[in-house]
Amino acid sequence: MIPAKHTTRQCRLLIEGFKGEQSTEKGPDKDEDEDKEDFPEINATLVIFADVESKSRLKVINREVNMAAPATPQYLKWSQTAITFDQSDHPAHIPTPGRQALVVDPVIEGTRLRKVLMDGGSGLNILYAETLQGMGIPMSRLSESNMQFHGVIPGKKAKSLGQIALDVVFGTDKNFRKEKLTFEVVDFKSAYHAILGRPAYARFMARPCYVYLKLKMPGPKGVITVTGNRQRAEECLQQGSKIADMQMAVAELEEYKKTADPADLLRAKKPATESAFQSAGDLKQVHIHPTDPTAAPTNISTTLDSK
């Protein structure tokens, strides 16, 4: 055994110095670790509520959601078909990714509707009364509905006129899917003919790509790909903005009527011509300088003596 020529303290300092060199060599990795941010603390969760279900219906839904999972999975129809998006779906040009909505043109009850919004944030399928009329479907086919909407018309609740079940077809004559969907019919202005929400996505087992503006779903002869129309989507976006401005203006006017002074409202309704020319009947034109034909006449009161 060879006797040591350094003390224990010198040995410890040597080891610490060696560790320091290693940590210096790994500086970039260390800095990278320090730059990593912690997952943010969640202080609140915002949820949108709508009184759209009866108490009995909510009990059924809660029971289904909270029931124990079955031992054997129960797969939905069409779930065996894999649906993916890759570079082959990429359009030749995407001018403003994410700006335009996914607007498609399915055949609904034998009528092709060119402006149907695919809205994964909606829990309902919506059909507008104007569209229903254009399709030649009478309002007598509607069944009763107690559905109410929040946020559609500023400051108000919008009520459904009724429900109707219609056949919806996606695809072509070579490969198509037809499903019956239930729509809530509403009577207010919109840039779209109809809105298909989550119930439609679930029924068709459809997957959207809002970047490529494409919708894919399983079909009897392979995957059905529906391509949205970007130009039509932009038109609907701009038209919808104008409709929203008009609705907001009407809502603001109604709110003003509630708080305004009745006298101010009467003055606002009074025609401008009436106030501007009210005293016109009490005046007459007189030529002060009859010898000068170029002189303009002067307005004087009719109550004055002619002399």
Protein backbone atom coordinates (compact mmCIF):
# COMPACT_ATOMS: atom_id res chain seq x y z
CA MET A 1 0.00 0.00 0.00
CA ILE A 2 1.48 3.32 -1.07
CA PRO A 3 1.13 6.03 1.55
CA ALA A 4 -0.94 9.08 0.52
CA LYS A 5 0.97 12.30 -0.16
CA HIS A 6 -2.08 14.63 0.30
CA THR A 7 -4.50 15.32 3.09
CA THR A 8 -8.19 14.47 3.18
CA ARG A 9 -9.07 18.15 2.77
CA GLN A 10 -6.95 18.41 -0.38
CA CYS A 11 -8.68 15.32 -1.76
CA ARG A 12 -12.10 16.82 -1.13
CA LEU A 13 -11.13 20.09 -2.82
CA LEU A 14 -9.83 18.17 -5.82
CA ILE A 15 -13.09 16.25 -6.18
CA GLU A 16 -15.19 19.42 -5.89
CA GLY A 17 -13.00 21.12 -8.47
CA PHE A 18 -13.44 18.21 -10.86
CA LYS A 19 -17.22 18.39 -10.43
CA GLY A 20 -17.09 22.12 -11.15
CA GLU A 21 -15.32 21.50 -14.46
CA GLN A 22 -17.99 18.98 -15.44
CA SER A 23 -20.78 21.41 -14.60
CA THR A 24 -19.02 24.09 -16.69
CA GLU A 25 -18.84 21.74 -19.67
CA LYS A 26 -22.59 21.05 -19.33
CA GLY A 27 -23.43 24.73 -19.07
CA PRO A 28 -25.70 24.88 -22.15
CA ASP A 29 -27.78 21.95 -20.93
CA LYS A 30 -28.03 23.50 -17.53
CA ASP A 31 -29.15 26.82 -18.98
CA GLU A 32 -31.71 25.00 -21.10
CA ASP A 33 -33.14 23.35 -18.01
CA GLU A 34 -33.31 26.67 -16.22
CA ASP A 35 -35.19 28.22 -19.18
CA LYS A 36 -37.95 25.62 -18.97
CA GLU A 37 -41.10 27.12 -17.47
CA ASP A 38 -43.35 25.36 -15.02
CA PHE A 39 -46.89 24.49 -16.06
CA PRO A 40 -49.06 27.50 -15.18
CA GLU A 41 -51.24 27.38 -12.11
CA ILE A 42 -54.95 27.12 -12.99
CA ASN A 43 -56.91 29.70 -11.03
CA ALA A 44 -60.29 29.39 -12.72
CA THR A 45 -62.19 27.59 -15.45
CA LEU A 46 -64.68 29.42 -17.66
CA VAL A 47 -67.74 27.48 -18.83
CA ILE A 48 -70.63 28.57 -21.04
CA PHE A 49 -74.03 27.47 -19.75
CA ALA A 50 -77.32 27.26 -21.62
CA ASP A 51 -80.73 26.26 -20.28
CA VAL A 52 -81.40 23.81 -23.09
CA GLU A 53 -82.39 20.64 -21.25
CA SER A 54 -85.29 19.67 -19.04
CA LYS A 55 -84.60 18.32 -15.56
CA SER A 56 -85.67 14.81 -16.54
CA ARG A 57 -83.37 14.88 -19.56
CA LEU A 58 -80.46 16.10 -17.43
CA LYS A 59 -80.98 13.21 -15.00
CA VAL A 60 -80.69 10.72 -17.85
CA ILE A 61 -77.54 12.40 -19.19
CA ASN A 62 -75.89 12.50 -15.75
CA ARG A 63 -76.70 8.84 -15.23
CA GLU A 64 -75.12 7.90 -18.57
CA VAL A 65 -72.00 10.01 -18.00
CA ASN A 66 -71.36 8.72 -14.47
CA MET A 67 -72.16 5.05 -15.06
CA ALA A 68 -69.41 2.48 -14.64
CA ALA A 69 -67.54 1.61 -17.83
CA PRO A 70 -68.55 -1.81 -19.22
CA ALA A 71 -66.00 -4.62 -19.10
CA THR A 72 -66.30 -5.11 -22.85
CA PRO A 73 -65.89 -1.94 -24.97
CA GLN A 74 -68.88 -1.04 -27.11
CA TYR A 75 -67.52 0.39 -30.33
CA LEU A 76 -69.56 2.82 -32.39
CA LYS A 77 -70.32 2.13 -36.03
CA TRP A 78 -67.63 3.35 -38.46
CA SER A 79 -65.07 3.60 -35.64
CA GLN A 80 -62.82 1.02 -37.30
CA THR A 81 -61.90 3.44 -40.11
CA ALA A 82 -58.71 5.42 -39.52
CA ILE A 83 -58.84 9.06 -40.57
CA THR A 84 -55.67 11.14 -40.87
CA PHE A 85 -54.48 14.39 -42.42
CA ASP A 86 -51.06 14.80 -44.03
CA GLN A 87 -49.26 16.91 -46.62
CA SER A 88 -51.30 15.37 -49.44
CA ASP A 89 -54.32 17.26 -48.05
CA HIS A 90 -52.44 20.57 -48.09
CA PRO A 91 -53.95 23.11 -50.53
CA ALA A 92 -51.67 24.80 -53.04
CA HIS A 93 -52.07 28.06 -51.12
CA ILE A 94 -53.37 28.97 -47.65
CA PRO A 95 -53.49 32.79 -47.50
CA THR A 96 -54.67 33.28 -43.90
CA PRO A 97 -54.62 30.01 -41.91
CA GLY A 98 -57.41 29.88 -39.34
CA ARG A 99 -59.35 32.94 -40.55
CA GLN A 100 -62.05 31.26 -42.61
CA ALA A 101 -64.51 28.79 -41.12
CA LEU A 102 -65.23 25.34 -42.53
CA VAL A 103 -68.19 25.95 -44.87
CA VAL A 104 -69.47 22.91 -46.78
CA ASP A 105 -72.35 22.08 -49.14
CA PRO A 106 -74.19 18.90 -48.10
CA VAL A 107 -77.50 17.76 -49.53
CA ILE A 108 -80.22 18.20 -46.89
CA GLU A 109 -83.61 16.63 -47.58
CA GLY A 110 -82.92 16.66 -51.33
CA THR A 111 -81.68 20.28 -51.45
CA ARG A 112 -78.01 21.20 -51.74
CA LEU A 113 -77.21 23.97 -49.29
CA ARG A 114 -74.08 25.90 -50.23
CA LYS A 115 -73.50 27.71 -46.93
CA VAL A 116 -73.49 25.17 -44.11
CA LEU A 117 -71.12 25.95 -41.23
CA MET A 118 -69.34 23.04 -39.53
CA ASP A 119 -69.14 24.29 -35.94
CA GLY A 120 -67.54 21.90 -33.48
CA GLY A 121 -68.29 24.37 -30.67
CA SER A 122 -72.05 24.11 -31.10
CA GLY A 123 -74.01 21.48 -29.21
CA LEU A 124 -76.93 21.79 -31.65
CA ASN A 125 -77.73 21.52 -35.33
CA ILE A 126 -79.43 24.75 -36.40
CA LEU A 127 -81.58 25.43 -39.45
CA TYR A 128 -82.89 28.89 -40.24
CA ALA A 129 -86.57 29.50 -40.97
CA GLU A 130 -85.67 31.32 -44.19
CA THR A 131 -83.73 28.25 -45.34
CA LEU A 132 -86.61 25.95 -44.44
CA GLN A 133 -88.95 28.10 -46.51
CA GLY A 134 -86.54 28.07 -49.44
CA MET A 135 -86.42 24.28 -49.28
CA GLY A 136 -90.20 24.17 -49.63
CA ILE A 137 -90.72 22.49 -46.25
CA PRO A 138 -93.85 23.71 -44.41
CA MET A 139 -93.61 24.87 -40.81
CA SER A 140 -96.33 22.35 -39.95
CA ARG A 141 -93.66 19.62 -40.02
CA LEU A 142 -91.97 21.09 -36.94
CA SER A 143 -92.37 19.38 -33.61
CA GLU A 144 -92.48 21.30 -30.33
CA SER A 145 -89.20 22.40 -28.76
CA ASN A 146 -88.39 24.37 -25.60
CA MET A 147 -84.84 25.12 -26.67
CA GLN A 148 -83.47 28.59 -25.91
CA PHE A 149 -80.26 30.20 -27.13
CA HIS A 150 -77.96 32.65 -25.40
CA GLY A 151 -75.62 35.06 -27.16
CA VAL A 152 -77.19 34.76 -30.59
CA ILE A 153 -79.07 38.07 -30.33
CA PRO A 154 -77.25 40.59 -28.08
CA GLY A 155 -78.92 40.90 -24.70
CA LYS A 156 -81.76 38.53 -25.50
CA LYS A 157 -82.76 34.90 -25.47
CA ALA A 158 -83.70 33.39 -28.81
CA LYS A 159 -86.28 30.62 -28.77
CA SER A 160 -86.52 27.72 -31.16
CA LEU A 161 -89.55 27.58 -33.43
CA GLY A 162 -89.46 23.79 -33.25
CA GLN A 163 -87.49 20.70 -34.20
CA ILE A 164 -87.32 18.78 -37.45
CA ALA A 165 -85.47 15.61 -38.49
CA LEU A 166 -83.96 15.73 -42.00
CA ASP A 167 -81.72 13.48 -44.11
CA VAL A 168 -78.20 14.89 -44.55
CA VAL A 169 -75.91 13.51 -47.27
CA PHE A 170 -72.15 13.98 -47.68
CA GLY A 171 -70.06 12.68 -50.57
CA THR A 172 -70.75 11.83 -54.20
CA ASP A 173 -72.83 9.21 -55.97
CA LYS A 174 -69.78 6.90 -55.92
CA ASN A 175 -69.21 7.09 -52.17
CA PHE A 176 -71.62 8.86 -49.83
CA ARG A 177 -73.07 8.78 -46.32
CA LYS A 178 -76.65 9.62 -45.37
CA GLU A 179 -77.70 10.22 -41.78
CA LYS A 180 -80.85 11.68 -40.25
CA LEU A 181 -80.12 14.69 -38.06
CA THR A 182 -82.38 16.70 -35.78
CA PHE A 183 -82.35 20.48 -36.32
CA GLU A 184 -83.57 23.34 -34.16
CA VAL A 185 -85.33 25.84 -36.43
CA VAL A 186 -84.75 29.49 -35.52
CA ASP A 187 -86.07 32.73 -36.97
CA PHE A 188 -83.26 35.25 -37.14
CA LYS A 189 -80.82 36.52 -39.73
CA SER A 190 -77.64 34.62 -40.53
CA ALA A 191 -75.00 34.47 -43.23
CA TYR A 192 -75.39 30.66 -43.30
CA HIS A 193 -78.14 28.31 -44.41
CA ALA A 194 -77.56 25.96 -41.48
CA ILE A 195 -75.08 25.04 -38.74
CA LEU A 196 -73.95 21.48 -38.06
CA GLY A 197 -72.59 21.05 -34.54
CA ARG A 198 -71.19 18.24 -32.43
CA PRO A 199 -74.24 15.98 -32.91
CA ALA A 200 -73.52 15.94 -36.65
CA TYR A 201 -69.80 15.28 -36.09
CA ALA A 202 -70.67 12.36 -33.82
CA ARG A 203 -73.29 10.86 -36.14
CA PHE A 204 -70.99 10.93 -39.16
CA MET A 205 -67.84 10.11 -37.11
CA ALA A 206 -66.33 13.08 -38.96
CA ARG A 207 -62.99 14.82 -38.34
CA PRO A 208 -62.32 18.42 -39.44
CA CYS A 209 -59.09 20.19 -40.33
CA TYR A 210 -59.57 23.92 -39.93
CA VAL A 211 -56.20 24.69 -41.51
CA TYR A 212 -56.82 22.79 -44.75
CA LEU A 213 -60.58 23.47 -44.54
CA LYS A 214 -61.42 19.82 -45.08
CA LEU A 215 -63.81 17.37 -43.47
CA LYS A 216 -63.25 13.61 -43.51
CA MET A 217 -65.58 10.81 -42.53
CA PRO A 218 -65.75 7.04 -43.07
CA GLY A 219 -67.87 5.89 -46.00
CA PRO A 220 -68.99 2.55 -47.42
CA LYS A 221 -66.23 2.70 -50.06
CA GLY A 222 -63.46 4.38 -48.10
CA VAL A 223 -62.89 7.74 -46.50
CA ILE A 224 -65.07 10.59 -47.79
CA THR A 225 -63.25 13.92 -48.08
CA VAL A 226 -65.28 17.13 -48.21
CA THR A 227 -63.41 20.31 -49.12
CA GLY A 228 -64.68 23.63 -47.81
CA ASN A 229 -64.98 26.69 -50.04
CA ARG A 230 -62.58 29.38 -48.84
CA GLN A 231 -64.10 32.20 -50.91
CA ARG A 232 -67.62 31.39 -49.76
CA ALA A 233 -66.42 31.17 -46.17
CA GLU A 234 -64.90 34.65 -46.41
CA GLU A 235 -68.13 36.04 -47.86
CA CYS A 236 -70.10 34.54 -44.96
CA LEU A 237 -67.61 35.94 -42.47
CA GLN A 238 -67.97 39.49 -43.76
CA GLN A 239 -71.74 39.24 -44.16
CA GLY A 240 -72.08 37.80 -40.66
CA SER A 241 -70.11 40.73 -39.27
CA LYS A 242 -72.55 43.20 -40.88
CA ILE A 243 -75.55 41.30 -39.52
CA ALA A 244 -74.03 41.31 -36.03
CA ASP A 245 -73.48 45.09 -36.23
CA MET A 246 -77.12 45.61 -37.24
CA GLN A 247 -78.38 43.44 -34.38
CA MET A 248 -76.15 45.28 -31.92
CA ALA A 249 -77.43 48.65 -33.17
CA VAL A 250 -81.04 47.52 -32.65
CA ALA A 251 -80.23 46.23 -29.16
CA GLU A 252 -78.50 49.50 -28.22
CA LEU A 253 -81.49 51.53 -29.49
CA GLU A 254 -83.91 49.46 -27.42
CA GLU A 255 -81.69 49.90 -24.37
CA TYR A 256 -81.58 53.66 -24.99
CA LYS A 257 -85.40 53.79 -25.16
CA LYS A 258 -85.60 52.22 -21.70
CA THR A 259 -83.43 54.89 -20.05
CA ALA A 260 -84.03 58.00 -22.18
CA ASP A 261 -86.28 60.91 -21.20
CA PRO A 262 -89.68 60.64 -22.97
CA ALA A 263 -89.36 64.28 -24.07
CA ASP A 264 -86.08 63.46 -25.81
CA LEU A 265 -87.74 60.55 -27.61
CA LEU A 266 -90.56 62.83 -28.82
CA ARG A 267 -88.04 65.34 -30.13
CA ALA A 268 -86.12 62.54 -31.83
CA LYS A 269 -89.29 61.30 -33.56
CA LYS A 270 -90.30 64.83 -34.66
CA PRO A 271 -89.55 65.39 -38.36
CA ALA A 272 -86.70 67.80 -38.98
CA THR A 273 -88.68 69.67 -41.64
CA GLU A 274 -91.41 70.49 -39.14
CA SER A 275 -89.04 72.24 -36.73
CA ALA A 276 -87.01 73.92 -39.47
CA PHE A 277 -89.96 75.51 -41.31
CA GLN A 278 -92.48 75.83 -38.51
CA SER A 279 -92.48 79.63 -38.67
CA ALA A 280 -92.47 79.82 -42.47
CA GLY A 281 -96.21 80.56 -42.54
CA ASP A 282 -95.71 83.63 -40.31
CA LEU A 283 -93.27 85.30 -42.72
CA LYS A 284 -93.61 87.12 -46.03
CA GLN A 285 -91.04 88.44 -48.47
CA VAL A 286 -90.87 92.19 -49.11
CA HIS A 287 -88.61 94.13 -51.51
CA ILE A 288 -87.09 96.96 -49.49
CA HIS A 289 -85.54 98.52 -52.61
CA PRO A 290 -88.14 98.13 -55.38
CA THR A 291 -86.02 100.22 -57.79
CA ASP A 292 -83.11 97.78 -57.55
CA PRO A 293 -84.10 94.51 -59.29
CA THR A 294 -80.91 92.79 -58.13
CA ALA A 295 -81.64 93.30 -54.42
CA ALA A 296 -82.74 90.21 -52.51
CA PRO A 297 -86.13 90.25 -50.77
CA THR A 298 -86.37 90.48 -46.99
CA ASN A 299 -88.49 88.22 -44.74
CA ILE A 300 -90.78 90.11 -42.34
CA SER A 301 -93.64 89.05 -40.08
CA THR A 302 -97.14 88.89 -41.56
CA THR A 303 -98.50 90.51 -38.41
CA LEU A 304 -96.80 93.82 -39.19
CA ASP A 305 -98.76 96.64 -40.78
CA SER A 306 -98.34 96.89 -44.57
CA LYS A 307 -97.12 100.45 -44.17
